[in-house]
Amino acid sequence: MTLTTRDTRTSYRRPVGAAAGSQQHKQEVAAERSTPAREGAAERTLFWRLVRNLILASHRDRTVARSKVVDYLKATRYPGPAFNELLFQCSKEGGPDGLDIAIDVIAEVGPEAARYARRLLSIDSPKWDPPGLRRQVTDSIWYAILRGVCQSKADVAEKIILTLTAALRGTVGIREAAAHALGDLAECEGPRVKDVVTYFLGELAGEDQQPEVRQAATEVLSALED
């Protein structure tokens, strides 16, 4: 996944008494323009440490560590790079609990995570061809995103659109992830949503070209019927 940053520089307004082109003017411009960049780098370092602490935390300490990551994601003006960092660390360096850690964070963040997922969908979905393709890191990231968003309090219509798009158009791994996320959605929402989910899981179980996807959908359907 390509990690992106935004240019947060603000326009410079020359204070009274600093003549344009003067040495004082040049120093003031340089200082003001470098401040947001320094602050951005400091924020990224802080968040990297918060995520790292969460990954390394014991189960006893994980709730407190997770709340710090969630609070940061809810407060930051530019959550995109932060979500990128969370998902990259959890999928690549999080060990056997990494994806579950990311899912729990995304579920608590909720609407902000859904907005991030919508933007990522527009960027990443053109790369979901051919449908039989597997991309280990990206598939793992979408597994965490879809399951986390579907377990969250994000808008239900947004959750349905996101997950069904992944189920119908995603790579093999993303379609498997969508099947599991649909199960989460059915458990979190009411009977009407469960009826929609059951229908689409039936379609995946009977019609998908890949046996892994059919098996995942069948298992989720069976669990919903228990």
C-alpha atoms as a PDB file:
ATOM      1  CA  MET A   1       0.000   0.000   0.000  1.00  0.00           C
ATOM      2  CA  THR A   2       1.298   3.449  -0.849  1.00  0.00           C
ATOM      3  CA  LEU A   3       1.478   5.648   2.224  1.00  0.00           C
ATOM      4  CA  THR A   4       0.684   9.272   1.461  1.00  0.00           C
ATOM      5  CA  THR A   5       1.077  12.526   3.326  1.00  0.00           C
ATOM      6  CA  ARG A   6      -0.568  15.865   2.784  1.00  0.00           C
ATOM      7  CA  ASP A   7       1.072  19.248   2.374  1.00  0.00           C
ATOM      8  CA  THR A   8      -0.145  21.132   5.417  1.00  0.00           C
ATOM      9  CA  ARG A   9       1.800  24.326   4.819  1.00  0.00           C
ATOM     10  CA  THR A  10      -0.105  27.563   5.335  1.00  0.00           C
ATOM     11  CA  SER A  11       0.318  30.699   3.295  1.00  0.00           C
ATOM     12  CA  TYR A  12       2.817  33.196   4.669  1.00  0.00           C
ATOM     13  CA  ARG A  13       1.758  36.711   5.623  1.00  0.00           C
ATOM     14  CA  ARG A  14       4.600  39.189   5.898  1.00  0.00           C
ATOM     15  CA  PRO A  15       4.509  41.045   9.208  1.00  0.00           C
ATOM     16  CA  VAL A  16       4.772  44.786   9.237  1.00  0.00           C
ATOM     17  CA  GLY A  17       8.379  45.932   9.299  1.00  0.00           C
ATOM     18  CA  ALA A  18       9.902  42.945   7.478  1.00  0.00           C
ATOM     19  CA  ALA A  19      10.720  44.167   3.999  1.00  0.00           C
ATOM     20  CA  ALA A  20      10.150  41.683   1.191  1.00  0.00           C
ATOM     21  CA  GLY A  21      13.455  40.173   0.134  1.00  0.00           C
ATOM     22  CA  SER A  22      15.244  41.220   3.313  1.00  0.00           C
ATOM     23  CA  GLN A  23      17.235  38.703   5.335  1.00  0.00           C
ATOM     24  CA  GLN A  24      14.711  39.007   8.173  1.00  0.00           C
ATOM     25  CA  HIS A  25      11.870  38.322   5.751  1.00  0.00           C
ATOM     26  CA  LYS A  26      13.582  35.230   4.336  1.00  0.00           C
ATOM     27  CA  GLN A  27      14.252  33.860   7.826  1.00  0.00           C
ATOM     28  CA  GLU A  28      10.633  34.413   8.883  1.00  0.00           C
ATOM     29  CA  VAL A  29       9.306  32.680   5.755  1.00  0.00           C
ATOM     30  CA  ALA A  30      11.616  29.717   6.252  1.00  0.00           C
ATOM     31  CA  ALA A  31      10.681  29.389   9.918  1.00  0.00           C
ATOM     32  CA  GLU A  32       6.929  29.517   9.291  1.00  0.00           C
ATOM     33  CA  ARG A  33       7.011  27.064   6.405  1.00  0.00           C
ATOM     34  CA  SER A  34       9.092  24.524   8.301  1.00  0.00           C
ATOM     35  CA  THR A  35       6.922  24.537  11.434  1.00  0.00           C
ATOM     36  CA  PRO A  36       3.992  22.448  10.033  1.00  0.00           C
ATOM     37  CA  ALA A  37       6.444  19.960   8.533  1.00  0.00           C
ATOM     38  CA  ARG A  38       8.212  19.574  11.886  1.00  0.00           C
ATOM     39  CA  GLU A  39       4.897  19.227  13.682  1.00  0.00           C
ATOM     40  CA  GLY A  40       3.714  16.631  11.134  1.00  0.00           C
ATOM     41  CA  ALA A  41       6.870  14.586  11.556  1.00  0.00           C
ATOM     42  CA  ALA A  42       6.519  14.766  15.327  1.00  0.00           C
ATOM     43  CA  GLU A  43       2.885  13.617  15.134  1.00  0.00           C
ATOM     44  CA  ARG A  44       3.779  10.690  12.873  1.00  0.00           C
ATOM     45  CA  THR A  45       6.519   9.637  15.269  1.00  0.00           C
ATOM     46  CA  LEU A  46       4.135   9.889  18.210  1.00  0.00           C
ATOM     47  CA  PHE A  47       1.504   7.768  16.470  1.00  0.00           C
ATOM     48  CA  TRP A  48       4.084   5.192  15.377  1.00  0.00           C
ATOM     49  CA  ARG A  49       5.018   4.807  19.036  1.00  0.00           C
ATOM     50  CA  LEU A  50       1.381   4.538  20.128  1.00  0.00           C
ATOM     51  CA  VAL A  51       0.737   1.740  17.633  1.00  0.00           C
ATOM     52  CA  ARG A  52       3.982   0.006  18.516  1.00  0.00           C
ATOM     53  CA  ASN A  53       3.107   0.133  22.215  1.00  0.00           C
ATOM     54  CA  LEU A  54      -0.313  -1.343  21.434  1.00  0.00           C
ATOM     55  CA  ILE A  55       1.173  -4.219  19.469  1.00  0.00           C
ATOM     56  CA  LEU A  56       3.676  -4.989  22.214  1.00  0.00           C
ATOM     57  CA  ALA A  57       1.236  -4.526  25.114  1.00  0.00           C
ATOM     58  CA  SER A  58       0.170  -7.490  27.195  1.00  0.00           C
ATOM     59  CA  HIS A  59      -3.489  -8.485  27.086  1.00  0.00           C
ATOM     60  CA  ARG A  60      -3.917  -6.844  30.481  1.00  0.00           C
ATOM     61  CA  ASP A  61      -2.568  -3.505  29.225  1.00  0.00           C
ATOM     62  CA  ARG A  62      -4.034  -3.615  25.731  1.00  0.00           C
ATOM     63  CA  THR A  63      -7.271  -1.761  26.531  1.00  0.00           C
ATOM     64  CA  VAL A  64      -5.424   1.342  27.739  1.00  0.00           C
ATOM     65  CA  ALA A  65      -2.960   1.217  24.832  1.00  0.00           C
ATOM     66  CA  ARG A  66      -5.813   0.835  22.340  1.00  0.00           C
ATOM     67  CA  SER A  67      -7.714   3.798  23.772  1.00  0.00           C
ATOM     68  CA  LYS A  68      -4.704   6.056  23.111  1.00  0.00           C
ATOM     69  CA  VAL A  69      -4.585   4.978  19.469  1.00  0.00           C
ATOM     70  CA  VAL A  70      -8.355   5.431  19.090  1.00  0.00           C
ATOM     71  CA  ASP A  71      -8.261   8.891  20.687  1.00  0.00           C
ATOM     72  CA  TYR A  72      -5.492   9.962  18.305  1.00  0.00           C
ATOM     73  CA  LEU A  73      -7.379   8.747  15.229  1.00  0.00           C
ATOM     74  CA  LYS A  74     -10.529  10.573  16.315  1.00  0.00           C
ATOM     75  CA  ALA A  75      -8.676  13.824  17.029  1.00  0.00           C
ATOM     76  CA  THR A  76      -6.192  14.148  14.171  1.00  0.00           C
ATOM     77  CA  ARG A  77      -7.013  16.459  11.271  1.00  0.00           C
ATOM     78  CA  TYR A  78      -5.360  14.096   8.792  1.00  0.00           C
ATOM     79  CA  PRO A  79      -6.353  10.527   9.701  1.00  0.00           C
ATOM     80  CA  GLY A  80      -5.380   8.953   6.365  1.00  0.00           C
ATOM     81  CA  PRO A  81      -1.636   8.597   7.029  1.00  0.00           C
ATOM     82  CA  ALA A  82      -2.398   7.457  10.574  1.00  0.00           C
ATOM     83  CA  PHE A  83      -4.731   4.692   9.371  1.00  0.00           C
ATOM     84  CA  ASN A  84      -2.064   3.694   6.844  1.00  0.00           C
ATOM     85  CA  GLU A  85       0.481   3.394   9.652  1.00  0.00           C
ATOM     86  CA  LEU A  86      -1.877   1.418  11.891  1.00  0.00           C
ATOM     87  CA  LEU A  87      -2.754  -1.068   9.172  1.00  0.00           C
ATOM     88  CA  PHE A  88       0.794  -1.432   7.902  1.00  0.00           C
ATOM     89  CA  GLN A  89       2.228  -2.097  11.354  1.00  0.00           C
ATOM     90  CA  CYS A  90      -0.533  -4.485  12.379  1.00  0.00           C
ATOM     91  CA  SER A  91      -0.431  -6.485   9.134  1.00  0.00           C
ATOM     92  CA  LYS A  92       3.354  -6.635   8.787  1.00  0.00           C
ATOM     93  CA  GLU A  93       4.681  -6.508  12.348  1.00  0.00           C
ATOM     94  CA  GLY A  94       1.719  -7.327  14.579  1.00  0.00           C
ATOM     95  CA  GLY A  95       2.295 -11.052  14.838  1.00  0.00           C
ATOM     96  CA  PRO A  96      -0.626 -13.470  15.224  1.00  0.00           C
ATOM     97  CA  ASP A  97      -2.774 -10.847  16.987  1.00  0.00           C
ATOM     98  CA  GLY A  98      -1.978  -8.015  14.582  1.00  0.00           C
ATOM     99  CA  LEU A  99      -5.137  -8.068  12.473  1.00  0.00           C
ATOM    100  CA  ASP A 100      -7.367  -8.525  15.527  1.00  0.00           C
ATOM    101  CA  ILE A 101      -5.708  -5.485  17.089  1.00  0.00           C
ATOM    102  CA  ALA A 102      -6.420  -3.420  13.980  1.00  0.00           C
ATOM    103  CA  ILE A 103     -10.029  -4.657  13.831  1.00  0.00           C
ATOM    104  CA  ASP A 104     -10.651  -3.630  17.451  1.00  0.00           C
ATOM    105  CA  VAL A 105      -9.232  -0.137  16.841  1.00  0.00           C
ATOM    106  CA  ILE A 106     -11.221   0.409  13.641  1.00  0.00           C
ATOM    107  CA  ALA A 107     -14.411  -0.814  15.312  1.00  0.00           C
ATOM    108  CA  GLU A 108     -13.999   1.789  18.062  1.00  0.00           C
ATOM    109  CA  VAL A 109     -13.107   4.630  15.697  1.00  0.00           C
ATOM    110  CA  GLY A 110     -16.236   3.971  13.622  1.00  0.00           C
ATOM    111  CA  PRO A 111     -17.328   6.734  11.214  1.00  0.00           C
ATOM    112  CA  GLU A 112     -13.799   8.091  10.685  1.00  0.00           C
ATOM    113  CA  ALA A 113     -12.661   4.594   9.720  1.00  0.00           C
ATOM    114  CA  ALA A 114     -15.583   4.226   7.300  1.00  0.00           C
ATOM    115  CA  ARG A 115     -14.622   7.501   5.588  1.00  0.00           C
ATOM    116  CA  TYR A 116     -11.038   6.289   5.300  1.00  0.00           C
ATOM    117  CA  ALA A 117     -12.248   2.984   3.839  1.00  0.00           C
ATOM    118  CA  ARG A 118     -14.376   4.798   1.264  1.00  0.00           C
ATOM    119  CA  ARG A 119     -11.409   6.862   0.083  1.00  0.00           C
ATOM    120  CA  LEU A 120      -9.151   3.801  -0.008  1.00  0.00           C
ATOM    121  CA  LEU A 121     -11.771   1.915  -2.004  1.00  0.00           C
ATOM    122  CA  SER A 122     -11.678   4.513  -4.784  1.00  0.00           C
ATOM    123  CA  ILE A 123      -7.878   4.229  -4.936  1.00  0.00           C
ATOM    124  CA  ASP A 124      -7.443   0.485  -4.558  1.00  0.00           C
ATOM    125  CA  SER A 125     -10.450  -1.062  -6.337  1.00  0.00           C
ATOM    126  CA  PRO A 126      -9.066  -0.444  -9.867  1.00  0.00           C
ATOM    127  CA  LYS A 127      -6.240  -2.817  -8.867  1.00  0.00           C
ATOM    128  CA  TRP A 128      -8.660  -5.648  -8.034  1.00  0.00           C
ATOM    129  CA  ASP A 129      -8.282  -7.235 -11.450  1.00  0.00           C
ATOM    130  CA  PRO A 130      -8.049 -10.094 -12.217  1.00  0.00           C
ATOM    131  CA  PRO A 131     -10.499 -11.270  -9.525  1.00  0.00           C
ATOM    132  CA  GLY A 132      -8.412 -14.400  -8.878  1.00  0.00           C
ATOM    133  CA  LEU A 133      -5.436 -12.270  -7.828  1.00  0.00           C
ATOM    134  CA  ARG A 134      -4.028 -12.548  -4.306  1.00  0.00           C
ATOM    135  CA  ARG A 135      -2.066  -9.728  -2.655  1.00  0.00           C
ATOM    136  CA  GLN A 136      -1.099 -10.850   0.815  1.00  0.00           C
ATOM    137  CA  VAL A 137      -0.513  -7.513   2.546  1.00  0.00           C
ATOM    138  CA  THR A 138      -3.352  -5.662   0.824  1.00  0.00           C
ATOM    139  CA  ASP A 139      -5.791  -8.536   1.371  1.00  0.00           C
ATOM    140  CA  SER A 140      -4.879  -8.586   5.068  1.00  0.00           C
ATOM    141  CA  ILE A 141      -5.406  -4.834   5.312  1.00  0.00           C
ATOM    142  CA  TRP A 142      -8.850  -5.091   3.732  1.00  0.00           C
ATOM    143  CA  TYR A 143      -9.708  -7.965   6.079  1.00  0.00           C
ATOM    144  CA  ALA A 144      -9.068  -5.658   9.036  1.00  0.00           C
ATOM    145  CA  ILE A 145     -10.856  -2.694   7.463  1.00  0.00           C
ATOM    146  CA  LEU A 146     -14.003  -4.561   6.448  1.00  0.00           C
ATOM    147  CA  ARG A 147     -14.419  -6.461   9.689  1.00  0.00           C
ATOM    148  CA  GLY A 148     -13.613  -3.435  11.816  1.00  0.00           C
ATOM    149  CA  VAL A 149     -16.014  -1.139   9.977  1.00  0.00           C
ATOM    150  CA  CYS A 150     -18.809  -3.717  10.056  1.00  0.00           C
ATOM    151  CA  GLN A 151     -18.389  -4.129  13.819  1.00  0.00           C
ATOM    152  CA  SER A 152     -18.439  -0.359  14.329  1.00  0.00           C
ATOM    153  CA  LYS A 153     -21.218   2.189  14.785  1.00  0.00           C
ATOM    154  CA  ALA A 154     -20.675   3.663  11.324  1.00  0.00           C
ATOM    155  CA  ASP A 155     -23.724   4.312   9.141  1.00  0.00           C
ATOM    156  CA  VAL A 156     -25.294   0.986   8.218  1.00  0.00           C
ATOM    157  CA  ALA A 157     -25.874   1.944   4.569  1.00  0.00           C
ATOM    158  CA  GLU A 158     -22.215   2.885   4.218  1.00  0.00           C
ATOM    159  CA  LYS A 159     -21.183  -0.432   5.761  1.00  0.00           C
ATOM    160  CA  ILE A 160     -23.414  -2.379   3.368  1.00  0.00           C
ATOM    161  CA  ILE A 161     -22.177  -0.540   0.266  1.00  0.00           C
ATOM    162  CA  LEU A 162     -18.528  -0.940   1.243  1.00  0.00           C
ATOM    163  CA  THR A 163     -18.797  -4.636   2.065  1.00  0.00           C
ATOM    164  CA  LEU A 164     -20.945  -5.643  -0.896  1.00  0.00           C
ATOM    165  CA  THR A 165     -18.602  -3.795  -3.258  1.00  0.00           C
ATOM    166  CA  ALA A 166     -15.725  -5.805  -1.830  1.00  0.00           C
ATOM    167  CA  ALA A 167     -17.739  -9.043  -2.017  1.00  0.00           C
ATOM    168  CA  LEU A 168     -18.683  -8.524  -5.660  1.00  0.00           C
ATOM    169  CA  ARG A 169     -15.534  -6.951  -7.085  1.00  0.00           C
ATOM    170  CA  GLY A 170     -12.627  -7.807  -4.784  1.00  0.00           C
ATOM    171  CA  THR A 171      -9.717 -10.168  -5.193  1.00  0.00           C
ATOM    172  CA  VAL A 172     -10.022 -13.671  -3.753  1.00  0.00           C
ATOM    173  CA  GLY A 173      -8.681 -12.591  -0.373  1.00  0.00           C
ATOM    174  CA  ILE A 174     -10.860  -9.486  -0.248  1.00  0.00           C
ATOM    175  CA  ARG A 175     -13.985 -11.485  -1.128  1.00  0.00           C
ATOM    176  CA  GLU A 176     -13.165 -13.941   1.664  1.00  0.00           C
ATOM    177  CA  ALA A 177     -12.753 -11.001   4.033  1.00  0.00           C
ATOM    178  CA  ALA A 178     -16.067  -9.548   2.864  1.00  0.00           C
ATOM    179  CA  ALA A 179     -17.840 -12.830   3.623  1.00  0.00           C
ATOM    180  CA  HIS A 180     -16.621 -12.706   7.228  1.00  0.00           C
ATOM    181  CA  ALA A 181     -17.437  -8.992   7.466  1.00  0.00           C
ATOM    182  CA  LEU A 182     -20.980  -9.666   6.281  1.00  0.00           C
ATOM    183  CA  GLY A 183     -21.338 -12.050   9.208  1.00  0.00           C
ATOM    184  CA  ASP A 184     -20.207  -9.273  11.561  1.00  0.00           C
ATOM    185  CA  LEU A 185     -22.705  -6.917   9.943  1.00  0.00           C
ATOM    186  CA  ALA A 186     -25.569  -9.363  10.425  1.00  0.00           C
ATOM    187  CA  GLU A 187     -24.739  -9.749  14.104  1.00  0.00           C
ATOM    188  CA  CYS A 188     -24.428  -5.996  14.736  1.00  0.00           C
ATOM    189  CA  GLU A 189     -27.551  -4.820  12.897  1.00  0.00           C
ATOM    190  CA  GLY A 190     -31.235  -5.766  12.935  1.00  0.00           C
ATOM    191  CA  PRO A 191     -33.238  -8.542  11.231  1.00  0.00           C
ATOM    192  CA  ARG A 192     -33.748  -6.615   7.971  1.00  0.00           C
ATOM    193  CA  VAL A 193     -30.011  -6.235   7.485  1.00  0.00           C
ATOM    194  CA  LYS A 194     -29.519  -9.877   8.408  1.00  0.00           C
ATOM    195  CA  ASP A 195     -31.940 -10.863   5.624  1.00  0.00           C
ATOM    196  CA  VAL A 196     -29.930  -8.861   3.076  1.00  0.00           C
ATOM    197  CA  VAL A 197     -26.671 -10.325   4.361  1.00  0.00           C
ATOM    198  CA  THR A 198     -28.011 -13.889   4.259  1.00  0.00           C
ATOM    199  CA  TYR A 199     -29.089 -13.434   0.643  1.00  0.00           C
ATOM    200  CA  PHE A 200     -25.698 -12.182  -0.519  1.00  0.00           C
ATOM    201  CA  LEU A 201     -23.824 -14.814   1.466  1.00  0.00           C
ATOM    202  CA  GLY A 202     -25.958 -17.407  -0.281  1.00  0.00           C
ATOM    203  CA  GLU A 203     -24.942 -15.902  -3.616  1.00  0.00           C
ATOM    204  CA  LEU A 204     -21.274 -16.063  -2.672  1.00  0.00           C
ATOM    205  CA  ALA A 205     -21.593 -19.607  -1.341  1.00  0.00           C
ATOM    206  CA  GLY A 206     -23.255 -20.838  -4.531  1.00  0.00           C
ATOM    207  CA  GLU A 207     -21.877 -18.679  -7.328  1.00  0.00           C
ATOM    208  CA  ASP A 208     -18.356 -17.450  -6.579  1.00  0.00           C
ATOM    209  CA  GLN A 209     -15.696 -18.892  -8.850  1.00  0.00           C
ATOM    210  CA  GLN A 210     -13.183 -19.522  -6.059  1.00  0.00           C
ATOM    211  CA  PRO A 211     -13.685 -22.445  -3.636  1.00  0.00           C
ATOM    212  CA  GLU A 212     -12.066 -20.475  -0.780  1.00  0.00           C
ATOM    213  CA  VAL A 213     -14.709 -17.772  -1.074  1.00  0.00           C
ATOM    214  CA  ARG A 214     -17.558 -20.284  -1.335  1.00  0.00           C
ATOM    215  CA  GLN A 215     -16.277 -22.095   1.756  1.00  0.00           C
ATOM    216  CA  ALA A 216     -15.945 -18.855   3.771  1.00  0.00           C
ATOM    217  CA  ALA A 217     -19.487 -17.781   2.849  1.00  0.00           C
ATOM    218  CA  THR A 218     -20.873 -21.218   3.706  1.00  0.00           C
ATOM    219  CA  GLU A 219     -19.193 -21.193   7.113  1.00  0.00           C
ATOM    220  CA  VAL A 220     -20.503 -17.719   7.932  1.00  0.00           C
ATOM    221  CA  LEU A 221     -24.041 -18.713   6.858  1.00  0.00           C
ATOM    222  CA  SER A 222     -23.871 -21.776   9.058  1.00  0.00           C
ATOM    223  CA  ALA A 223     -22.728 -19.696  12.033  1.00  0.00           C
ATOM    224  CA  LEU A 224     -25.603 -17.225  11.527  1.00  0.00           C
ATOM    225  CA  GLU A 225     -28.120 -20.057  11.536  1.00  0.00           C
ATOM    226  CA  ASP A 226     -26.891 -21.504  14.855  1.00  0.00           C
END
